[in-house]
Structure formats: structure tokens, C-alpha cells
Amino acid sequence: MARKPERGRRGGGRAGAAARRGPAVIEQMPWRLPVNLDPPVEPLGEEGVQAIHDGAMRILEEIGVRFLNPEALAILREAGCIVEGDLVRMGRDFVMEMIARAPGSFTITPRNPEREIVMGGAFLLFGNVSSPPNYWDLDLGRKVPGTRKTCADLLRLTQYFNCIHFAGGYPVEPVDIHASVRHLDVLHDKLTLTDKVVHAYSLGRERVEDVMEMVRISGGLSEEEFRSKPRMYTNINSTSPLKHDQPMIDGCLRLIRRGQAVVVTPFTLAGAMAPVTMAGAVAQSLAEALCAIALFQYVAPGAPCAIGTFTSNVDMKSGAPAFGTPEYMRATQMTGQMARFYGLPLRSSACCTANVPDGQAMWETASSLWAAVQSGTNMVYHAAGWLEGGLIASPEKFVMDCEMLQQIQRYMEPGIVATDVDALALDAIREVGHEGHFFGARHTQDRYANAFYQPFLSDWRNFEAWEAAGAVWTPERAHRLFKRIIAEFEPPPMDVAIRDELADFVARRKAEGGAPTDF
């Protein structure tokens, strides 16, 4: 589909406000949806693809998956699956017939249509860190539980950076808000501080229905307009090994019945919740995802669905999860190859095990990110801000990750590999000849401003210049940028009447008690 013109370079605020205040905090790349130019890495031969497919189908046919959702069991029994208690077995012909109904790509349109994203094809989308219970920054110097304030600050970063394309789950869990009304406050913040695609947790009927209604209100949409196309999505995890729980399946069924998008992402750690071999772990992961997508396609043919991969390994010495490992990279590539085999969009993640934003954090995250690129991933979860295997969100890590995301976006620009007359530059080579240099050549002078990627965080000075400037290490530079971005942030515009309606809805649902909890 044709893309809209690129917006200005300043993210997260109004152009008029930027002009009044002067230069932006950073000069960042404009908003755009990157297109992956590279052919995917395909570690499996044709026989390997068929072997993993056959393994996934045999799991569904012979072993089965437990659905702890009575409605799903009734639907799958009606569909002709073998249902014994909560155990479901389904034939491969049924699975493949249902999977064939799913679209290969779809759009999700938030309240600001200029922030529409395309899920599928060669598009590569990045999202914020989602769901850590804890927060860490350099001011604190320690891990603390998330709060509404720290969650809101991370949402401001989500809006500010143009390389972040969607606002996933809560960027940190605000445990200072009671669980019964947490979704109301956080979604209010998310919908007013950002204008990007948002997510709903599938954690009970009330939460899902409330979030759908808040997204509808924030977009100024009628119910018919809301249902006419995807405006939001959910991401669910199976309960590995081989189970789907009640609330997540319930939430997905509610969303697809109103035309919204679903991502199914098994969380399979090889050696713990899945076999220790990557082929076995990937086959199990595929089985867990495909059976749920088959259910959704039976209920709502053509429903926008994507398959997710979160297959990594554990440290066999301690049992702790490990991310950004060679095995994680290969599992992501293998799942990408299988997603193309099934014709489904793919979600993966940019994750690490490191506890602070140090070298380990960046090399593990870089490995995860490049595995996403190599696999043909369409949606990269946790692309900015993730630490400690998903237990910590950090604003410094968020800023550092966005530097990497911009580099990947630049890497994907077709102009870098252009081979036309201007790109070959034979006239410039002739002009410089054998003795000169290219700094002063007209070809360079015409192009120098945008010839190469310009970092906003990396420091390219030599040691002496860096030392003279204060010898500031990368996390400290990221911390300073974070503080400046938050200080100068202005939320995107929202119609006053819509803002009031959204606030009224939140107040009413709070007065009604919000969502039930276990405590």
C-alpha cells in the first residue's frame, strides 16, 4: 500500500511548540515504517521445514493441547475436533484449512491515522518494552517496583521516538495502582500521551471490553467504524507446555468478534517448558500457536492474526532464562521460516538477560534484534527498554536501544545500495584523480549532510576529546537525554470533547469497581 509522506524530525510534540522552544532535544530520523530489504536467513532445508511442520501437526493430532476455556472447548467440539475433558486434538487438515483463512498482512489504525502500521509483508515494526514489574534508572541506582509516574515517563519515550511504531503492554507495571482499575489509568495515560497503536491485555472480560471502548472513544469512532478495521491488538502467551488458559483465549475471542487483531506468542524456554533441542522447542511452539489461531479463524474467518516466537533457552547451570543467545537467534530464524510456510505475519522480540544497561545488555539485545531482521519478523516486541529477562524496564536502556533501532532503519534504506550514475560517482572519482581527497569534491559537498547515519547518542570523538568533554559513559549520556526529553515533552493533540468523554468513562468504570481481582 502507498505510505503517507514522512513527518518532521521532532517526535512527541507539536511543531509550533518546537519552533517556540528552539532546537529539538535530538535530531532523530522521521517517522516511517521500515521495509526489510534483505532476504531472510533460512537455516532449514525443505526437508527440515517439512519435519518441523510434521512434528507440530503430530503434537496436535497425537498429544493434544489443553484449553482451559469452556467456550473454546465447545467451539472446537462443534468444529469436529476430538475433545476429552479440556484436552483437544485436531487434525492437520483442519488446522491448515483454518490457517489458510488468516490474512498474510493487515493494517492497524490508531487514533492518529498517520501512525497506521502494516503488520506483514516486508514491514519491520518496533515496540516499547512491555510488562516488567520493576524499574531502574541511574538516579535511583537500584531496582524498584514500577509506578504510574515511571510508566508514564516510559510512555512519553514511546511517543517521542519515531523509531517506536506501537505502544505495547504497560512499559512497566504500575503497582501503586490497584489491579482492579490499573488498566483504566494506564490506558488513559497511553491514549493521551501517545497517538500510536495500543495493546490490550487479555486478562478477563472487563479489562478487554474496557480497553476496546477506550480505544473507540479516543478515536472518535462509532461502533461500526471501530469494527470496520483493526484499531488495536492483543498479544497472548500459551501456558507452556501445551496449554491455553481461560482469560487469554476469552480476550482474543472478544477482540476478533469486533474486528481487532490478535498475536499468539508461546513462551517456550528450551530445557524448561520445551525440549532442549531447538527443533523440538520450535515444533512445540508452533503447535501451541497454530491451534489457537485455528480456533480464531473458525470463529471469525479472516480475523487478523499473527504468530509469535519467544523460544530461547535456560542456563542449564541455574535454570534461569537466557536471551540473545545463539540458540535464541536460530530459533527465531527457524520460526520465521515456518511463519512464511504458513503465510502468517511474525512477531519476535529484542531481549537480554543483563541487569543494567551495560555491554552485555547491548550485545544480547543486538543479537536479538538482528535475529528479528534475519527472520523476516514484522513486529519486534520489547525493542527498547528491556533488562533482566523482562523483569526491569530502564529509560537509559530505552534510549540506548533507540540508537540501535535507528541504525537498523538506516541500514534498510534503499539509497545505501543504489547503483545509479550518481551513486557510482565516476565523475567525482575522475575529478579527485590520484592525488586529492573527496572532502572538497562537489559530489561530496552536495551530499555530505545526509550521506551517512548521524547518531544522537554515540560519541565518535577520540579519547582525548571525549575525556576533555567530561568522559561521560554511554548510560549517563542516555540518562541526560531521557531527562531532557521528559522535561520538554508535550502530548499529541486530542479533541477536548474526546478527552472529556474518555475521562468520564474511566471515572464511571472506577465507580463500578473496575475489573474483579483475586484480592
Protein backbone atom coordinates (compact mmCIF):
# COMPACT_ATOMS: atom_id res chain seq x y z
CA MET A 1 0.00 0.00 0.00
CA ALA A 2 1.14 3.59 -0.52
CA ARG A 3 2.63 5.25 2.54
CA LYS A 4 1.89 8.77 3.69
CA PRO A 5 4.58 11.45 3.45
CA GLU A 6 7.18 11.43 6.20
CA ARG A 7 6.61 13.76 9.13
CA GLY A 8 9.03 16.24 10.63
CA ARG A 9 12.11 15.23 12.57
CA ARG A 10 10.88 16.18 16.04
CA GLY A 11 8.95 13.41 17.78
CA GLY A 12 6.37 13.61 20.52
CA GLY A 13 5.31 17.26 20.33
CA ARG A 14 3.63 19.92 18.25
CA ALA A 15 5.60 21.67 15.52
CA GLY A 16 4.54 25.08 16.84
CA ALA A 17 5.79 24.28 20.32
CA ALA A 18 9.08 23.05 18.87
CA ALA A 19 9.52 26.31 16.99
CA ARG A 20 8.85 28.37 20.13
CA ARG A 21 11.33 26.45 22.25
CA GLY A 22 14.09 26.19 19.67
CA PRO A 23 16.06 23.09 18.68
CA ALA A 24 14.74 19.63 19.44
CA VAL A 25 16.43 17.56 22.13
CA ILE A 26 17.82 15.28 19.42
CA GLU A 27 17.77 15.21 15.65
CA GLN A 28 16.11 11.89 15.02
CA MET A 29 15.01 10.10 11.88
CA PRO A 30 11.47 10.87 10.71
CA TRP A 31 8.53 8.56 11.36
CA ARG A 32 8.33 5.83 8.76
CA LEU A 33 7.65 2.12 8.55
CA PRO A 34 10.91 0.36 7.69
CA VAL A 35 10.86 -2.21 4.91
CA ASN A 36 13.28 -5.11 5.27
CA LEU A 37 15.32 -5.18 2.06
CA ASP A 38 17.27 -8.34 2.85
CA PRO A 39 16.29 -11.91 2.01
CA PRO A 40 15.62 -13.82 5.23
CA VAL A 41 18.07 -16.27 6.71
CA GLU A 42 16.60 -19.75 6.25
CA PRO A 43 18.56 -22.32 8.24
CA LEU A 44 16.15 -25.13 7.37
CA GLY A 45 16.19 -27.00 4.11
CA GLU A 46 12.93 -28.18 2.55
CA GLU A 47 13.17 -31.44 4.47
CA GLY A 48 13.71 -29.53 7.70
CA VAL A 49 10.63 -27.37 7.13
CA GLN A 50 8.54 -30.47 6.48
CA ALA A 51 9.97 -32.23 9.53
CA ILE A 52 9.11 -29.37 11.89
CA HIS A 53 5.67 -28.95 10.31
CA ASP A 54 5.02 -32.67 10.70
CA GLY A 55 6.23 -32.50 14.29
CA ALA A 56 3.86 -29.64 15.11
CA MET A 57 0.95 -31.44 13.45
CA ARG A 58 1.69 -34.69 15.29
CA ILE A 59 1.70 -32.81 18.60
CA LEU A 60 -1.78 -31.50 17.80
CA GLU A 61 -3.06 -34.84 16.48
CA GLU A 62 -1.48 -37.29 18.91
CA ILE A 63 -0.66 -35.41 22.12
CA GLY A 64 -3.12 -32.53 22.06
CA VAL A 65 -3.32 -29.17 23.78
CA ARG A 66 -5.31 -28.34 26.90
CA PHE A 67 -7.79 -25.46 26.54
CA LEU A 68 -8.84 -24.25 29.97
CA ASN A 69 -11.66 -22.23 28.42
CA PRO A 70 -15.14 -23.83 28.27
CA GLU A 71 -16.30 -21.69 25.34
CA ALA A 72 -13.26 -22.69 23.28
CA LEU A 73 -13.87 -26.36 24.08
CA ALA A 74 -17.49 -26.11 22.89
CA ILE A 75 -16.44 -24.35 19.67
CA LEU A 76 -13.70 -26.87 18.89
CA ARG A 77 -16.07 -29.79 19.59
CA GLU A 78 -18.53 -28.23 17.15
CA ALA A 79 -15.69 -27.89 14.62
CA GLY A 80 -15.09 -31.64 14.74
CA CYS A 81 -12.00 -31.73 16.94
CA ILE A 82 -11.56 -34.52 19.48
CA VAL A 83 -12.34 -33.04 22.90
CA GLU A 84 -11.81 -35.12 26.04
CA GLY A 85 -12.30 -33.02 29.15
CA ASP A 86 -10.13 -29.99 28.48
CA LEU A 87 -7.75 -31.85 26.13
CA VAL A 88 -8.18 -31.09 22.43
CA ARG A 89 -6.73 -32.99 19.50
CA MET A 90 -7.17 -31.59 16.00
CA GLY A 91 -6.26 -32.98 12.60
CA ARG A 92 -3.75 -31.28 10.35
CA ASP A 93 -6.28 -30.87 7.55
CA PHE A 94 -8.49 -28.82 9.86
CA VAL A 95 -5.55 -26.77 11.14
CA MET A 96 -4.25 -25.97 7.67
CA GLU A 97 -7.74 -25.14 6.35
CA MET A 98 -8.23 -22.67 9.21
CA ILE A 99 -4.75 -21.16 8.94
CA ALA A 100 -5.33 -20.54 5.23
CA ARG A 101 -8.18 -18.18 6.17
CA ALA A 102 -5.84 -15.80 8.00
CA PRO A 103 -4.62 -12.75 6.05
CA GLY A 104 -0.92 -12.56 5.21
CA SER A 105 -0.86 -8.92 6.24
CA PHE A 106 -3.16 -6.33 7.77
CA THR A 107 -3.13 -2.74 8.99
CA ILE A 108 -3.82 -1.40 12.47
CA THR A 109 -5.03 2.21 12.58
CA PRO A 110 -4.72 4.16 15.86
CA ARG A 111 -6.44 7.43 16.77
CA ASN A 112 -3.90 9.28 14.62
CA PRO A 113 -4.24 7.72 11.14
CA GLU A 114 -0.76 8.98 10.24
CA ARG A 115 0.57 6.42 12.74
CA GLU A 116 -1.10 3.47 10.98
CA ILE A 117 1.11 0.38 10.89
CA VAL A 118 1.24 -2.56 8.48
CA MET A 119 1.65 -6.00 10.01
CA GLY A 120 3.06 -8.38 7.43
CA GLY A 121 4.93 -8.40 4.15
CA ALA A 122 8.41 -6.91 4.46
CA PHE A 123 7.45 -4.30 7.07
CA LEU A 124 9.54 -4.22 10.26
CA LEU A 125 7.90 -2.59 13.28
CA PHE A 126 9.42 -1.81 16.68
CA GLY A 127 7.58 -1.51 20.01
CA ASN A 128 8.41 -0.45 23.55
CA VAL A 129 9.31 -2.75 26.43
CA SER A 130 6.18 -4.33 27.90
CA SER A 131 5.20 -5.74 31.30
CA PRO A 132 8.27 -5.64 33.59
CA PRO A 133 7.25 -5.34 37.25
CA ASN A 134 10.35 -3.31 38.15
CA TYR A 135 12.07 -0.10 37.13
CA TRP A 136 15.73 1.01 37.22
CA ASP A 137 17.41 4.28 36.32
CA LEU A 138 20.71 5.97 37.09
CA ASP A 139 19.19 8.39 39.58
CA LEU A 140 17.88 5.52 41.68
CA GLY A 141 20.78 3.16 41.11
CA ARG A 142 18.62 0.26 42.27
CA LYS A 143 15.64 -1.84 41.20
CA VAL A 144 12.25 -0.61 42.47
CA PRO A 145 8.62 -1.56 41.70
CA GLY A 146 7.03 0.31 38.82
CA THR A 147 4.71 3.27 39.44
CA ARG A 148 2.23 5.25 37.40
CA LYS A 149 4.83 8.03 37.06
CA THR A 150 7.60 5.78 35.77
CA CYS A 151 5.12 4.04 33.48
CA ALA A 152 4.00 7.43 32.09
CA ASP A 153 7.60 8.56 31.55
CA LEU A 154 8.29 5.43 29.50
CA LEU A 155 5.12 6.11 27.53
CA ARG A 156 6.48 9.58 26.80
CA LEU A 157 9.63 7.99 25.40
CA THR A 158 7.41 5.65 23.36
CA GLN A 159 5.69 8.64 21.80
CA TYR A 160 8.82 10.74 21.39
CA PHE A 161 10.94 8.31 19.41
CA ASN A 162 9.87 7.95 15.79
CA CYS A 163 11.57 4.55 15.57
CA ILE A 164 8.97 3.16 18.03
CA HIS A 165 5.92 2.26 15.98
CA PHE A 166 3.48 0.87 18.53
CA ALA A 167 2.82 1.07 22.26
CA GLY A 168 2.70 -2.49 23.53
CA GLY A 169 1.77 -3.52 27.06
CA TYR A 170 2.48 -1.40 30.12
CA PRO A 171 6.15 -0.37 29.75
CA VAL A 172 6.43 -1.02 33.47
CA GLU A 173 3.72 -2.40 35.73
CA PRO A 174 2.44 0.46 37.96
CA VAL A 175 1.94 -1.47 41.16
CA ASP A 176 0.90 1.69 43.03
CA ILE A 177 -2.47 1.44 41.21
CA HIS A 178 -4.86 -1.24 42.42
CA ALA A 179 -5.15 -4.10 39.94
CA SER A 180 -8.92 -3.62 39.61
CA VAL A 181 -8.52 -0.18 37.99
CA ARG A 182 -4.92 -0.27 36.77
CA HIS A 183 -5.94 -0.87 33.17
CA LEU A 184 -8.20 2.20 33.23
CA ASP A 185 -5.50 4.59 34.45
CA VAL A 186 -2.71 3.19 32.28
CA LEU A 187 -4.81 3.11 29.10
CA HIS A 188 -5.95 6.65 29.81
CA ASP A 189 -2.29 7.67 30.06
CA LYS A 190 -1.37 5.66 26.99
CA LEU A 191 -4.16 7.10 24.85
CA THR A 192 -3.46 10.70 25.89
CA LEU A 193 0.35 10.61 25.98
CA THR A 194 0.67 8.70 22.69
CA ASP A 195 -1.18 8.54 19.40
CA LYS A 196 0.31 5.21 18.31
CA VAL A 197 -1.24 1.75 18.09
CA VAL A 198 -2.01 0.34 21.55
CA HIS A 199 -2.45 -3.09 23.08
CA ALA A 200 -4.94 -4.68 25.48
CA TYR A 201 -4.01 -7.36 27.99
CA SER A 202 -6.33 -10.35 27.69
CA LEU A 203 -6.80 -10.71 31.43
CA GLY A 204 -10.54 -11.01 31.91
CA ARG A 205 -13.69 -9.79 30.21
CA GLU A 206 -13.83 -6.40 31.93
CA ARG A 207 -10.30 -5.36 31.04
CA VAL A 208 -10.61 -6.29 27.38
CA GLU A 209 -14.02 -4.69 26.96
CA ASP A 210 -12.91 -1.53 28.77
CA VAL A 211 -9.82 -1.11 26.61
CA MET A 212 -11.75 -1.64 23.39
CA GLU A 213 -14.24 1.01 24.48
CA MET A 214 -11.48 3.44 25.43
CA VAL A 215 -9.77 2.96 22.06
CA ARG A 216 -13.10 3.53 20.32
CA ILE A 217 -13.72 6.73 22.31
CA SER A 218 -10.19 8.06 21.79
CA GLY A 219 -10.56 7.72 18.03
CA GLY A 220 -13.95 9.45 17.98
CA LEU A 221 -15.36 6.31 16.36
CA SER A 222 -18.81 4.83 16.14
CA GLU A 223 -19.13 1.14 16.96
CA GLU A 224 -19.43 0.42 13.24
CA GLU A 225 -16.26 2.38 12.48
CA PHE A 226 -14.39 0.63 15.27
CA ARG A 227 -15.37 -2.79 13.94
CA SER A 228 -14.62 -1.90 10.31
CA LYS A 229 -10.86 -2.40 10.64
CA PRO A 230 -8.25 -3.24 13.29
CA ARG A 231 -7.69 -0.31 15.65
CA MET A 232 -5.73 -2.18 18.36
CA TYR A 233 -4.49 -5.66 19.17
CA THR A 234 -3.74 -8.14 21.93
CA ASN A 235 -0.78 -10.43 22.42
CA ILE A 236 -1.28 -13.65 24.36
CA ASN A 237 1.06 -16.36 25.58
CA SER A 238 0.23 -20.02 25.83
CA THR A 239 0.94 -21.65 29.18
CA SER A 240 3.73 -23.91 28.03
CA PRO A 241 3.88 -26.80 27.78
CA LEU A 242 0.74 -27.31 25.69
CA LYS A 243 -1.93 -25.28 27.49
CA HIS A 244 -4.08 -22.23 26.78
CA ASP A 245 -5.71 -20.55 29.75
CA GLN A 246 -9.19 -19.15 30.25
CA PRO A 247 -8.71 -15.34 30.20
CA MET A 248 -6.32 -15.07 27.27
CA ILE A 249 -8.45 -17.14 24.93
CA ASP A 250 -11.53 -15.27 26.17
CA GLY A 251 -9.90 -11.93 25.40
CA CYS A 252 -8.91 -12.99 21.91
CA LEU A 253 -12.42 -14.22 21.13
CA ARG A 254 -13.86 -10.88 22.22
CA LEU A 255 -11.37 -8.94 20.12
CA ILE A 256 -11.76 -10.91 16.89
CA ARG A 257 -15.55 -10.67 17.15
CA ARG A 258 -15.14 -6.90 16.99
CA GLY A 259 -12.62 -6.99 14.15
CA GLN A 260 -9.47 -6.44 16.19
CA ALA A 261 -6.05 -8.10 15.84
CA VAL A 262 -4.52 -10.97 17.79
CA VAL A 263 -0.90 -12.14 18.19
CA VAL A 264 -0.32 -15.61 19.68
CA THR A 265 3.17 -15.97 21.19
CA PRO A 266 4.11 -19.15 23.05
CA PHE A 267 6.81 -18.56 25.67
CA THR A 268 8.91 -21.70 25.28
CA LEU A 269 12.24 -21.92 27.07
CA ALA A 270 14.20 -24.89 25.75
CA GLY A 271 15.23 -27.15 28.58
CA ALA A 272 12.39 -25.97 30.87
CA MET A 273 8.97 -25.59 29.23
CA ALA A 274 10.05 -27.12 25.90
CA PRO A 275 12.53 -29.75 24.68
CA VAL A 276 16.20 -28.92 24.99
CA THR A 277 16.66 -29.14 21.21
CA MET A 278 15.71 -26.18 19.04
CA ALA A 279 13.75 -28.30 16.54
CA GLY A 280 11.62 -29.75 19.32
CA ALA A 281 11.14 -26.38 21.02
CA VAL A 282 10.11 -24.70 17.74
CA ALA A 283 7.73 -27.54 16.83
CA GLN A 284 6.05 -27.29 20.24
CA SER A 285 5.84 -23.51 19.98
CA LEU A 286 4.23 -23.74 16.55
CA ALA A 287 1.70 -26.30 17.76
CA GLU A 288 0.68 -24.07 20.66
CA ALA A 289 0.25 -21.03 18.41
CA LEU A 290 -1.41 -22.71 15.43
CA CYS A 291 -4.15 -24.42 17.43
CA ALA A 292 -5.24 -21.07 18.90
CA ILE A 293 -5.14 -19.32 15.52
CA ALA A 294 -7.17 -22.20 14.05
CA LEU A 295 -9.79 -21.61 16.75
CA PHE A 296 -9.94 -17.90 15.98
CA GLN A 297 -10.21 -18.46 12.21
CA TYR A 298 -13.07 -20.94 12.74
CA VAL A 299 -14.93 -18.33 14.80
CA ALA A 300 -14.12 -15.31 12.59
CA PRO A 301 -12.72 -16.28 9.18
CA GLY A 302 -10.16 -13.75 8.01
CA ALA A 303 -9.55 -12.36 11.50
CA PRO A 304 -6.20 -10.51 11.64
CA CYS A 305 -3.84 -12.92 13.40
CA ALA A 306 -0.07 -13.18 13.71
CA ILE A 307 2.19 -15.87 15.09
CA GLY A 308 4.80 -15.00 17.68
CA THR A 309 8.05 -16.61 18.73
CA PHE A 310 9.62 -16.38 22.16
CA THR A 311 11.72 -19.50 22.05
CA SER A 312 15.01 -19.26 23.90
CA ASN A 313 16.92 -21.44 26.32
CA VAL A 314 17.65 -21.63 30.02
CA ASP A 315 21.03 -21.57 31.72
CA MET A 316 21.39 -25.26 32.48
CA LYS A 317 23.56 -24.41 35.50
CA SER A 318 20.92 -22.31 37.25
CA GLY A 319 17.65 -22.76 35.35
CA ALA A 320 17.48 -19.00 34.70
CA PRO A 321 16.22 -17.77 31.30
CA ALA A 322 18.84 -16.65 28.78
CA PHE A 323 18.22 -14.30 25.86
CA GLY A 324 20.18 -13.08 22.86
CA THR A 325 21.92 -16.46 22.71
CA PRO A 326 22.97 -18.29 19.53
CA GLU A 327 20.13 -20.74 20.17
CA TYR A 328 17.64 -17.88 20.52
CA MET A 329 18.81 -16.46 17.20
CA ARG A 330 18.46 -19.77 15.38
CA ALA A 331 15.05 -20.48 16.91
CA THR A 332 13.85 -17.06 15.73
CA GLN A 333 15.16 -17.65 12.22
CA MET A 334 13.58 -21.12 12.14
CA THR A 335 10.22 -19.79 13.30
CA GLY A 336 10.38 -17.04 10.70
CA GLN A 337 10.87 -19.65 8.02
CA MET A 338 7.88 -21.59 9.35
CA ALA A 339 5.72 -18.44 9.56
CA ARG A 340 6.30 -17.90 5.85
CA PHE A 341 5.41 -21.55 5.26
CA TYR A 342 2.05 -20.92 6.99
CA GLY A 343 1.55 -17.48 5.41
CA LEU A 344 1.32 -15.66 8.74
CA PRO A 345 2.90 -12.39 9.95
CA LEU A 346 5.59 -12.88 12.58
CA ARG A 347 6.26 -11.28 15.97
CA SER A 348 9.58 -11.71 17.79
CA SER A 349 11.42 -9.76 20.50
CA ALA A 350 14.56 -7.77 21.34
CA CYS A 351 15.53 -9.11 24.73
CA CYS A 352 18.50 -9.59 27.01
CA THR A 353 19.37 -11.11 30.37
CA ALA A 354 21.62 -8.28 31.59
CA ASN A 355 20.65 -6.47 34.80
CA VAL A 356 21.87 -2.97 33.92
CA PRO A 357 22.39 -1.08 30.63
CA ASP A 358 25.96 -2.25 30.09
CA GLY A 359 27.89 -4.00 27.35
CA GLN A 360 26.19 -7.35 27.98
CA ALA A 361 22.80 -5.68 27.66
CA MET A 362 23.67 -4.24 24.27
CA TRP A 363 25.35 -7.28 22.71
CA GLU A 364 22.50 -9.56 23.79
CA THR A 365 19.89 -7.07 22.54
CA ALA A 366 21.79 -6.57 19.28
CA SER A 367 21.82 -10.34 18.72
CA SER A 368 18.07 -10.47 19.36
CA LEU A 369 17.41 -7.53 17.04
CA TRP A 370 19.47 -8.93 14.18
CA ALA A 371 17.76 -12.29 14.61
CA ALA A 372 14.48 -10.41 14.14
CA VAL A 373 15.81 -8.78 10.97
CA GLN A 374 17.20 -12.06 9.63
CA SER A 375 14.00 -13.98 10.38
CA GLY A 376 11.73 -11.60 8.45
CA THR A 377 9.97 -10.53 11.64
CA ASN A 378 7.20 -7.98 11.19
CA MET A 379 6.64 -6.91 14.82
CA VAL A 380 9.52 -6.63 17.30
CA TYR A 381 8.29 -6.59 20.88
CA HIS A 382 10.40 -5.14 23.72
CA ALA A 383 12.59 -3.31 21.19
CA ALA A 384 13.51 -0.55 23.66
CA GLY A 385 13.98 -0.61 27.43
CA TRP A 386 14.16 -4.28 28.44
CA LEU A 387 16.52 -5.63 31.15
CA GLU A 388 16.87 -8.67 33.46
CA GLY A 389 14.98 -11.07 31.22
CA GLY A 390 11.93 -8.82 31.23
CA LEU A 391 11.85 -8.05 34.95
CA ILE A 392 13.22 -4.48 34.67
CA ALA A 393 12.36 -1.50 32.46
CA SER A 394 15.03 1.19 32.16
CA PRO A 395 14.80 4.60 30.44
CA GLU A 396 18.56 4.62 29.80
CA LYS A 397 18.31 1.25 28.07
CA PHE A 398 15.29 2.60 26.14
CA VAL A 399 17.32 5.50 24.75
CA MET A 400 20.33 3.27 24.00
CA ASP A 401 18.12 0.78 22.18
CA CYS A 402 16.58 3.52 20.05
CA GLU A 403 20.06 4.34 18.75
CA MET A 404 20.30 0.74 17.52
CA LEU A 405 16.77 0.82 16.07
CA GLN A 406 17.59 3.95 14.08
CA GLN A 407 20.73 2.30 12.77
CA ILE A 408 18.69 -0.68 11.57
CA GLN A 409 16.19 1.67 9.92
CA ARG A 410 19.04 3.47 8.18
CA TYR A 411 20.56 0.13 7.15
CA MET A 412 17.25 -0.70 5.45
CA GLU A 413 17.14 2.46 3.32
CA PRO A 414 17.45 1.52 -0.36
CA GLY A 415 19.61 4.56 -1.14
CA ILE A 416 22.61 2.98 0.58
CA VAL A 417 22.83 0.24 -2.04
CA ALA A 418 21.81 2.38 -5.03
CA THR A 419 23.89 1.81 -8.17
CA ASP A 420 22.71 4.60 -10.47
CA VAL A 421 25.06 7.10 -12.13
CA ASP A 422 25.08 9.46 -9.15
CA ALA A 423 25.75 6.63 -6.71
CA LEU A 424 28.65 5.23 -8.75
CA ALA A 425 30.22 8.72 -8.68
CA LEU A 426 32.62 8.16 -11.56
CA ASP A 427 32.77 11.91 -12.28
CA ALA A 428 33.84 12.54 -8.67
CA ILE A 429 36.47 9.82 -8.88
CA ARG A 430 37.73 11.39 -12.12
CA GLU A 431 37.72 14.87 -10.51
CA VAL A 432 39.77 13.78 -7.47
CA GLY A 433 42.07 11.59 -9.50
CA HIS A 434 45.15 10.06 -7.88
CA GLU A 435 46.38 12.78 -5.53
CA GLY A 436 43.42 14.63 -3.98
CA HIS A 437 40.68 13.81 -1.50
CA PHE A 438 36.90 13.70 -1.62
CA PHE A 439 36.12 16.16 1.21
CA GLY A 440 36.04 19.11 -1.17
CA ALA A 441 34.59 17.38 -4.22
CA ARG A 442 31.29 18.79 -5.50
CA HIS A 443 29.77 15.30 -5.27
CA THR A 444 30.57 15.23 -1.53
CA GLN A 445 29.52 18.83 -0.92
CA ASP A 446 26.11 18.16 -2.45
CA ARG A 447 25.51 15.10 -0.24
CA TYR A 448 27.54 15.38 2.96
CA ALA A 449 24.68 16.44 5.24
CA ASN A 450 22.73 13.23 4.73
CA ALA A 451 25.37 10.89 3.34
CA PHE A 452 25.78 8.81 6.48
CA TYR A 453 23.88 7.89 9.62
CA GLN A 454 24.28 10.53 12.32
CA PRO A 455 23.96 9.16 15.87
CA PHE A 456 22.16 11.02 18.62
CA LEU A 457 23.79 9.04 21.45
CA SER A 458 27.05 7.51 20.26
CA ASP A 459 30.16 9.63 20.87
CA TRP A 460 32.54 9.46 17.89
CA ARG A 461 35.25 11.75 19.29
CA ASN A 462 38.71 10.39 20.04
CA PHE A 463 39.68 9.55 23.61
CA GLU A 464 41.32 12.91 24.36
CA ALA A 465 38.32 14.91 23.11
CA TRP A 466 35.89 12.63 24.94
CA GLU A 467 37.93 12.93 28.13
CA ALA A 468 38.14 16.72 27.85
CA ALA A 469 34.35 16.86 27.47
CA GLY A 470 33.86 15.10 30.78
CA ALA A 471 34.46 11.43 29.93
CA VAL A 472 30.73 10.67 30.02
CA TRP A 473 29.90 6.99 29.52
CA THR A 474 27.00 5.95 27.29
CA PRO A 475 24.40 5.17 30.01
CA GLU A 476 24.98 8.61 31.56
CA ARG A 477 24.53 10.31 28.17
CA ALA A 478 21.32 8.30 27.72
CA HIS A 479 20.15 9.36 31.19
CA ARG A 480 20.68 13.04 30.36
CA LEU A 481 18.74 12.70 27.12
CA PHE A 482 15.92 10.92 28.93
CA LYS A 483 15.64 13.78 31.42
CA ARG A 484 15.59 16.42 28.68
CA ILE A 485 13.01 14.56 26.61
CA ILE A 486 10.68 14.21 29.60
CA ALA A 487 11.17 17.87 30.59
CA GLU A 488 10.27 19.15 27.11
CA PHE A 489 7.63 16.57 26.19
CA GLU A 490 4.20 17.70 25.04
CA PRO A 491 1.46 15.14 24.45
CA PRO A 492 -0.05 14.79 20.99
CA PRO A 493 -3.24 16.74 20.37
CA MET A 494 -6.62 15.32 21.36
CA ASP A 495 -10.01 16.92 20.90
CA VAL A 496 -11.26 18.33 24.23
CA ALA A 497 -14.64 16.62 23.92
CA ILE A 498 -12.97 13.26 23.29
CA ARG A 499 -10.62 13.77 26.23
CA ASP A 500 -13.58 14.56 28.47
CA GLU A 501 -15.53 11.53 27.26
CA LEU A 502 -12.52 9.31 27.91
CA ALA A 503 -12.09 10.73 31.43
CA ASP A 504 -15.81 10.27 32.13
CA PHE A 505 -15.63 6.63 31.04
CA VAL A 506 -12.66 5.98 33.33
CA ALA A 507 -14.42 7.65 36.27
CA ARG A 508 -17.61 5.67 35.69
CA ARG A 509 -15.84 2.33 35.43
CA LYS A 510 -13.84 3.08 38.57
CA ALA A 511 -17.05 3.86 40.42
CA GLU A 512 -18.40 0.50 39.24
CA GLY A 513 -15.35 -1.26 40.67
CA GLY A 514 -13.30 -1.82 37.53
CA ALA A 515 -12.28 -5.44 37.00
CA PRO A 516 -12.53 -8.24 39.59
CA THR A 517 -9.30 -9.38 41.24
CA ASP A 518 -8.17 -12.19 43.44
CA PHE A 519 -7.53 -9.89 46.37
